[in-house]
PDB file of N, CA and C in Angstrom:
ATOM      1  N   MET A   1      91.816 127.635 139.488  1.00  0.00           N
ATOM      2  CA  MET A   1      90.957 128.589 140.124  1.00  0.00           C
ATOM      3  C   MET A   1      90.669 129.533 138.544  1.00  0.00           C
ATOM      4  N   PRO A   2      89.576 129.417 138.012  1.00  0.00           N
ATOM      5  CA  PRO A   2      89.586 130.144 137.227  1.00  0.00           C
ATOM      6  C   PRO A   2      89.273 131.743 137.709  1.00  0.00           C
ATOM      7  N   ARG A   3      90.015 132.915 136.508  1.00  0.00           N
ATOM      8  CA  ARG A   3      89.788 134.138 136.876  1.00  0.00           C
ATOM      9  C   ARG A   3      88.273 134.957 136.677  1.00  0.00           C
ATOM     10  N   ARG A   4      88.732 135.615 137.625  1.00  0.00           N
ATOM     11  CA  ARG A   4      87.017 136.771 137.891  1.00  0.00           C
ATOM     12  C   ARG A   4      86.916 137.427 136.341  1.00  0.00           C
ATOM     13  N   LYS A   5      86.003 137.734 135.776  1.00  0.00           N
ATOM     14  CA  LYS A   5      85.380 138.963 134.997  1.00  0.00           C
ATOM     15  C   LYS A   5      85.864 140.128 134.982  1.00  0.00           C
ATOM     16  N   ARG A   6      86.967 140.496 134.453  1.00  0.00           N
ATOM     17  CA  ARG A   6      87.435 142.451 134.994  1.00  0.00           C
ATOM     18  C   ARG A   6      85.788 142.972 134.488  1.00  0.00           C
ATOM     19  N   VAL A   7      85.394 144.264 135.178  1.00  0.00           N
ATOM     20  CA  VAL A   7      84.138 145.159 134.847  1.00  0.00           C
ATOM     21  C   VAL A   7      85.061 146.753 134.471  1.00  0.00           C
ATOM     22  N   THR A   8      84.373 146.988 133.538  1.00  0.00           N
ATOM     23  CA  THR A   8      84.812 148.918 133.926  1.00  0.00           C
ATOM     24  C   THR A   8      83.308 149.492 134.767  1.00  0.00           C
ATOM     25  N   GLY A   9      83.765 150.601 135.122  1.00  0.00           N
ATOM     26  CA  GLY A   9      83.022 151.297 136.669  1.00  0.00           C
ATOM     27  C   GLY A   9      81.667 151.173 135.760  1.00  0.00           C
ATOM     28  N   LYS A  10      81.322 152.061 134.129  1.00  0.00           N
ATOM     29  CA  LYS A  10      79.778 151.807 133.731  1.00  0.00           C
ATOM     30  C   LYS A  10      79.677 150.620 133.827  1.00  0.00           C
ATOM     31  N   GLU A  11      80.181 149.336 133.571  1.00  0.00           N
ATOM     32  CA  GLU A  11      79.196 147.913 133.513  1.00  0.00           C
ATOM     33  C   GLU A  11      79.120 147.721 134.584  1.00  0.00           C
ATOM     34  N   LEU A  12      80.021 148.146 135.794  1.00  0.00           N
ATOM     35  CA  LEU A  12      79.190 147.966 136.904  1.00  0.00           C
ATOM     36  C   LEU A  12      77.923 148.545 137.490  1.00  0.00           C
ATOM     37  N   ILE A  13      77.914 149.761 137.090  1.00  0.00           N
ATOM     38  CA  ILE A  13      76.917 150.135 137.324  1.00  0.00           C
ATOM     39  C   ILE A  13      75.973 150.325 136.885  1.00  0.00           C
ATOM     40  N   ARG A  14      75.712 149.691 135.866  1.00  0.00           N
ATOM     41  CA  ARG A  14      74.545 148.805 134.705  1.00  0.00           C
ATOM     42  C   ARG A  14      74.072 147.709 135.430  1.00  0.00           C
ATOM     43  N   ALA A  15      75.250 146.807 135.782  1.00  0.00           N
ATOM     44  CA  ALA A  15      74.254 145.842 136.284  1.00  0.00           C
ATOM     45  C   ALA A  15      73.661 146.173 137.827  1.00  0.00           C
ATOM     46  N   LEU A  16      74.341 147.077 138.856  1.00  0.00           N
ATOM     47  CA  LEU A  16      73.629 147.192 139.786  1.00  0.00           C
ATOM     48  C   LEU A  16      72.731 147.907 139.771  1.00  0.00           C
ATOM     49  N   LYS A  17      72.559 148.985 138.772  1.00  0.00           N
ATOM     50  CA  LYS A  17      71.023 149.464 139.200  1.00  0.00           C
ATOM     51  C   LYS A  17      69.872 148.394 138.216  1.00  0.00           C
ATOM     52  N   LYS A  18      70.567 147.091 137.833  1.00  0.00           N
ATOM     53  CA  LYS A  18      69.345 146.033 137.720  1.00  0.00           C
ATOM     54  C   LYS A  18      68.900 145.330 138.936  1.00  0.00           C
ATOM     55  N   LEU A  19      69.803 145.451 139.967  1.00  0.00           N
ATOM     56  CA  LEU A  19      69.632 144.924 141.318  1.00  0.00           C
ATOM     57  C   LEU A  19      68.763 146.194 142.581  1.00  0.00           C
ATOM     58  N   GLY A  20      68.734 147.655 141.745  1.00  0.00           N
ATOM     59  CA  GLY A  20      67.428 148.551 142.400  1.00  0.00           C
ATOM     60  C   GLY A  20      68.449 149.243 142.964  1.00  0.00           C
ATOM     61  N   PHE A  21      69.728 149.915 142.831  1.00  0.00           N
ATOM     62  CA  PHE A  21      70.776 150.489 142.843  1.00  0.00           C
ATOM     63  C   PHE A  21      70.454 151.639 141.898  1.00  0.00           C
ATOM     64  N   VAL A  22      70.264 153.251 142.616  1.00  0.00           N
ATOM     65  CA  VAL A  22      70.582 154.489 141.743  1.00  0.00           C
ATOM     66  C   VAL A  22      71.785 155.697 142.139  1.00  0.00           C
ATOM     67  N   VAL A  23      72.294 155.850 141.360  1.00  0.00           N
ATOM     68  CA  VAL A  23      73.353 156.779 141.049  1.00  0.00           C
ATOM     69  C   VAL A  23      72.402 157.858 142.056  1.00  0.00           C
ATOM     70  N   VAL A  24      72.899 158.544 143.401  1.00  0.00           N
ATOM     71  CA  VAL A  24      72.150 159.772 143.674  1.00  0.00           C
ATOM     72  C   VAL A  24      73.344 160.935 144.131  1.00  0.00           C
ATOM     73  N   ARG A  25      74.679 160.743 143.275  1.00  0.00           N
ATOM     74  CA  ARG A  25      75.586 161.880 143.299  1.00  0.00           C
ATOM     75  C   ARG A  25      76.976 161.466 142.437  1.00  0.00           C
ATOM     76  N   ILE A  26      77.253 162.808 141.545  1.00  0.00           N
ATOM     77  CA  ILE A  26      78.848 161.843 141.193  1.00  0.00           C
ATOM     78  C   ILE A  26      79.555 163.351 141.387  1.00  0.00           C
ATOM     79  N   GLN A  27      80.858 163.016 142.064  1.00  0.00           N
ATOM     80  CA  GLN A  27      81.794 163.679 142.468  1.00  0.00           C
ATOM     81  C   GLN A  27      83.290 163.280 141.775  1.00  0.00           C
ATOM     82  N   GLY A  28      83.093 164.234 140.185  1.00  0.00           N
ATOM     83  CA  GLY A  28      84.123 164.254 139.879  1.00  0.00           C
ATOM     84  C   GLY A  28      84.000 162.977 139.098  1.00  0.00           C
ATOM     85  N   SER A  29      84.902 161.809 139.247  1.00  0.00           N
ATOM     86  CA  SER A  29      84.865 160.594 138.714  1.00  0.00           C
ATOM     87  C   SER A  29      83.907 159.277 138.945  1.00  0.00           C
ATOM     88  N   HIS A  30      83.502 159.593 140.675  1.00  0.00           N
ATOM     89  CA  HIS A  30      82.689 158.862 141.634  1.00  0.00           C
ATOM     90  C   HIS A  30      81.691 158.977 141.037  1.00  0.00           C
ATOM     91  N   HIS A  31      80.906 157.924 141.255  1.00  0.00           N
ATOM     92  CA  HIS A  31      79.330 157.799 141.368  1.00  0.00           C
ATOM     93  C   HIS A  31      79.204 156.476 142.596  1.00  0.00           C
ATOM     94  N   ARG A  32      78.305 157.951 143.462  1.00  0.00           N
ATOM     95  CA  ARG A  32      77.952 157.080 144.641  1.00  0.00           C
ATOM     96  C   ARG A  32      76.459 156.470 144.336  1.00  0.00           C
ATOM     97  N   LEU A  33      76.266 155.419 144.613  1.00  0.00           N
ATOM     98  CA  LEU A  33      75.106 154.883 144.601  1.00  0.00           C
ATOM     99  C   LEU A  33      74.533 154.325 145.778  1.00  0.00           C
ATOM    100  N   ARG A  34      73.228 154.259 145.999  1.00  0.00           N
ATOM    101  CA  ARG A  34      72.218 153.996 146.786  1.00  0.00           C
ATOM    102  C   ARG A  34      70.922 152.996 146.605  1.00  0.00           C
ATOM    103  N   HIS A  35      70.588 152.307 147.651  1.00  0.00           N
ATOM    104  CA  HIS A  35      70.049 151.142 147.629  1.00  0.00           C
ATOM    105  C   HIS A  35      68.485 151.437 148.249  1.00  0.00           C
ATOM    106  N   SER A  36      66.986 151.397 147.962  1.00  0.00           N
ATOM    107  CA  SER A  36      66.488 151.349 148.934  1.00  0.00           C
ATOM    108  C   SER A  36      66.373 151.279 149.883  1.00  0.00           C
ATOM    109  N   ASP A  37      67.021 149.996 150.402  1.00  0.00           N
ATOM    110  CA  ASP A  37      67.120 149.311 151.544  1.00  0.00           C
ATOM    111  C   ASP A  37      68.473 150.049 152.562  1.00  0.00           C
ATOM    112  N   GLY A  38      68.754 150.748 151.946  1.00  0.00           N
ATOM    113  CA  GLY A  38      70.119 151.634 152.670  1.00  0.00           C
ATOM    114  C   GLY A  38      71.589 151.619 152.142  1.00  0.00           C
ATOM    115  N   ARG A  39      71.778 150.163 151.408  1.00  0.00           N
ATOM    116  CA  ARG A  39      73.019 149.874 151.060  1.00  0.00           C
ATOM    117  C   ARG A  39      73.493 150.873 150.419  1.00  0.00           C
ATOM    118  N   VAL A  40      74.156 151.612 150.455  1.00  0.00           N
ATOM    119  CA  VAL A  40      75.552 152.330 149.816  1.00  0.00           C
ATOM    120  C   VAL A  40      76.529 152.224 149.371  1.00  0.00           C
ATOM    121  N   THR A  41      77.436 152.629 147.780  1.00  0.00           N
ATOM    122  CA  THR A  41      78.654 152.180 147.868  1.00  0.00           C
ATOM    123  C   THR A  41      79.110 153.372 146.397  1.00  0.00           C
ATOM    124  N   THR A  42      80.479 153.222 146.651  1.00  0.00           N
ATOM    125  CA  THR A  42      80.547 154.378 145.674  1.00  0.00           C
ATOM    126  C   THR A  42      81.717 153.715 144.375  1.00  0.00           C
ATOM    127  N   VAL A  43      81.301 153.925 142.968  1.00  0.00           N
ATOM    128  CA  VAL A  43      82.137 153.334 142.043  1.00  0.00           C
ATOM    129  C   VAL A  43      83.024 154.182 141.190  1.00  0.00           C
ATOM    130  N   PRO A  44      84.440 153.896 140.829  1.00  0.00           N
ATOM    131  CA  PRO A  44      84.960 155.303 140.203  1.00  0.00           C
ATOM    132  C   PRO A  44      84.901 154.749 138.233  1.00  0.00           C
ATOM    133  N   VAL A  45      84.335 155.438 137.831  1.00  0.00           N
ATOM    134  CA  VAL A  45      84.329 155.554 136.770  1.00  0.00           C
ATOM    135  C   VAL A  45      85.007 156.199 135.589  1.00  0.00           C
ATOM    136  N   HIS A  46      86.482 155.800 135.258  1.00  0.00           N
ATOM    137  CA  HIS A  46      87.509 155.898 134.397  1.00  0.00           C
ATOM    138  C   HIS A  46      86.816 155.358 132.766  1.00  0.00           C
ATOM    139  N   SER A  47      87.127 155.882 131.853  1.00  0.00           N
ATOM    140  CA  SER A  47      87.028 155.601 130.519  1.00  0.00           C
ATOM    141  C   SER A  47      88.287 154.845 129.984  1.00  0.00           C
ATOM    142  N   GLY A  48      87.774 153.465 129.956  1.00  0.00           N
ATOM    143  CA  GLY A  48      88.776 152.098 129.373  1.00  0.00           C
ATOM    144  C   GLY A  48      89.180 151.885 130.236  1.00  0.00           C
ATOM    145  N   GLU A  49      89.054 151.938 131.712  1.00  0.00           N
ATOM    146  CA  GLU A  49      89.865 150.999 132.515  1.00  0.00           C
ATOM    147  C   GLU A  49      89.030 150.099 133.383  1.00  0.00           C
ATOM    148  N   THR A  50      89.444 149.233 133.844  1.00  0.00           N
ATOM    149  CA  THR A  50      88.826 148.020 134.814  1.00  0.00           C
ATOM    150  C   THR A  50      88.912 148.489 135.724  1.00  0.00           C
ATOM    151  N   ILE A  51      88.491 147.872 137.036  1.00  0.00           N
ATOM    152  CA  ILE A  51      88.250 148.320 138.456  1.00  0.00           C
ATOM    153  C   ILE A  51      88.880 146.789 138.882  1.00  0.00           C
ATOM    154  N   GLY A  52      90.291 147.712 139.548  1.00  0.00           N
ATOM    155  CA  GLY A  52      91.314 146.411 140.702  1.00  0.00           C
ATOM    156  C   GLY A  52      90.121 145.403 141.423  1.00  0.00           C
ATOM    157  N   PRO A  53      90.452 143.974 141.212  1.00  0.00           N
ATOM    158  CA  PRO A  53      90.359 142.763 141.989  1.00  0.00           C
ATOM    159  C   PRO A  53      89.684 143.320 143.440  1.00  0.00           C
ATOM    160  N   GLY A  54      90.707 144.015 144.535  1.00  0.00           N
ATOM    161  CA  GLY A  54      90.581 144.248 145.611  1.00  0.00           C
ATOM    162  C   GLY A  54      89.469 145.195 145.712  1.00  0.00           C
ATOM    163  N   LEU A  55      89.318 146.402 145.213  1.00  0.00           N
ATOM    164  CA  LEU A  55      88.148 147.386 144.782  1.00  0.00           C
ATOM    165  C   LEU A  55      87.018 146.809 144.465  1.00  0.00           C
ATOM    166  N   LEU A  56      86.655 146.078 143.671  1.00  0.00           N
ATOM    167  CA  LEU A  56      85.625 145.128 142.998  1.00  0.00           C
ATOM    168  C   LEU A  56      85.070 144.381 144.281  1.00  0.00           C
ATOM    169  N   GLY A  57      86.209 143.851 145.100  1.00  0.00           N
ATOM    170  CA  GLY A  57      85.836 142.820 146.141  1.00  0.00           C
ATOM    171  C   GLY A  57      85.280 143.572 147.029  1.00  0.00           C
ATOM    172  N   GLN A  58      85.412 144.905 147.439  1.00  0.00           N
ATOM    173  CA  GLN A  58      85.108 145.805 148.433  1.00  0.00           C
ATOM    174  C   GLN A  58      83.406 146.205 148.186  1.00  0.00           C
ATOM    175  N   ILE A  59      83.263 146.691 146.761  1.00  0.00           N
ATOM    176  CA  ILE A  59      82.390 147.183 146.405  1.00  0.00           C
ATOM    177  C   ILE A  59      81.389 146.177 146.322  1.00  0.00           C
ATOM    178  N   LEU A  60      81.406 144.874 146.274  1.00  0.00           N
ATOM    179  CA  LEU A  60      80.354 144.087 145.844  1.00  0.00           C
ATOM    180  C   LEU A  60      79.865 143.497 147.348  1.00  0.00           C
ATOM    181  N   VAL A  61      80.703 143.549 148.711  1.00  0.00           N
ATOM    182  CA  VAL A  61      80.482 143.277 149.849  1.00  0.00           C
ATOM    183  C   VAL A  61      79.901 144.606 150.637  1.00  0.00           C
ATOM    184  N   ASP A  62      80.024 146.324 150.089  1.00  0.00           N
ATOM    185  CA  ASP A  62      79.085 147.226 150.216  1.00  0.00           C
ATOM    186  C   ASP A  62      77.739 146.967 149.640  1.00  0.00           C
ATOM    187  N   CYS A  63      77.291 146.010 148.503  1.00  0.00           N
ATOM    188  CA  CYS A  63      76.317 145.607 147.916  1.00  0.00           C
ATOM    189  C   CYS A  63      76.010 144.386 148.414  1.00  0.00           C
ATOM    190  N   GLU A  64      76.338 143.635 149.358  1.00  0.00           N
ATOM    191  CA  GLU A  64      76.055 142.729 149.675  1.00  0.00           C
ATOM    192  C   GLU A  64      75.858 141.421 148.922  1.00  0.00           C
ATOM    193  N   ILE A  65      76.222 141.359 147.525  1.00  0.00           N
ATOM    194  CA  ILE A  65      76.292 140.314 146.650  1.00  0.00           C
ATOM    195  C   ILE A  65      77.740 139.965 146.210  1.00  0.00           C
ATOM    196  N   ASN A  66      77.682 138.550 146.024  1.00  0.00           N
ATOM    197  CA  ASN A  66      78.863 138.011 145.389  1.00  0.00           C
ATOM    198  C   ASN A  66      79.311 138.072 143.630  1.00  0.00           C
ATOM    199  N   HIS A  67      80.322 137.730 143.403  1.00  0.00           N
ATOM    200  CA  HIS A  67      80.556 137.556 141.752  1.00  0.00           C
ATOM    201  C   HIS A  67      79.732 136.527 141.604  1.00  0.00           C
ATOM    202  N   GLU A  68      79.005 135.643 141.909  1.00  0.00           N
ATOM    203  CA  GLU A  68      78.384 134.624 140.644  1.00  0.00           C
ATOM    204  C   GLU A  68      77.577 135.648 140.643  1.00  0.00           C
ATOM    205  N   GLN A  69      76.640 136.216 141.567  1.00  0.00           N
ATOM    206  CA  GLN A  69      75.155 137.389 141.365  1.00  0.00           C
ATOM    207  C   GLN A  69      76.149 138.276 140.581  1.00  0.00           C
ATOM    208  N   LEU A  70      76.992 138.922 140.442  1.00  0.00           N
ATOM    209  CA  LEU A  70      77.301 139.952 139.607  1.00  0.00           C
ATOM    210  C   LEU A  70      77.611 139.342 138.210  1.00  0.00           C
ATOM    211  N   GLU A  71      78.860 138.366 137.842  1.00  0.00           N
ATOM    212  CA  GLU A  71      78.295 137.290 136.913  1.00  0.00           C
ATOM    213  C   GLU A  71      76.795 137.293 135.600  1.00  0.00           C
ATOM    214  N   GLU A  72      75.917 136.762 136.501  1.00  0.00           N
ATOM    215  CA  GLU A  72      74.587 136.690 135.871  1.00  0.00           C
ATOM    216  C   GLU A  72      74.176 138.196 135.416  1.00  0.00           C
ATOM    217  N   LEU A  73      74.424 139.406 136.682  1.00  0.00           N
ATOM    218  CA  LEU A  73      73.890 140.613 135.796  1.00  0.00           C
ATOM    219  C   LEU A  73      74.399 141.096 134.595  1.00  0.00           C
ATOM    220  N   LEU A  74      75.984 140.798 134.329  1.00  0.00           N
ATOM    221  CA  LEU A  74      76.641 141.097 133.459  1.00  0.00           C
ATOM    222  C   LEU A  74      76.208 141.031 131.994  1.00  0.00           C
TER     223      LEU A  74
END
């Protein structure tokens, strides 16, 4: 099975903005994003660090998208 692409917080936020998410609050290094239909998630943005596979999976569940859709947006 091929490995999933690792993404940084900035890359993930950029991809989610293409889906219509907007940053509604930043508290420290955590960016809170909301979609107009009510979906909400929090993305940590630490310079140079990638988001771990477990956290990335949970963010994708929160956003109701899958890994393939994310790959297309990146």
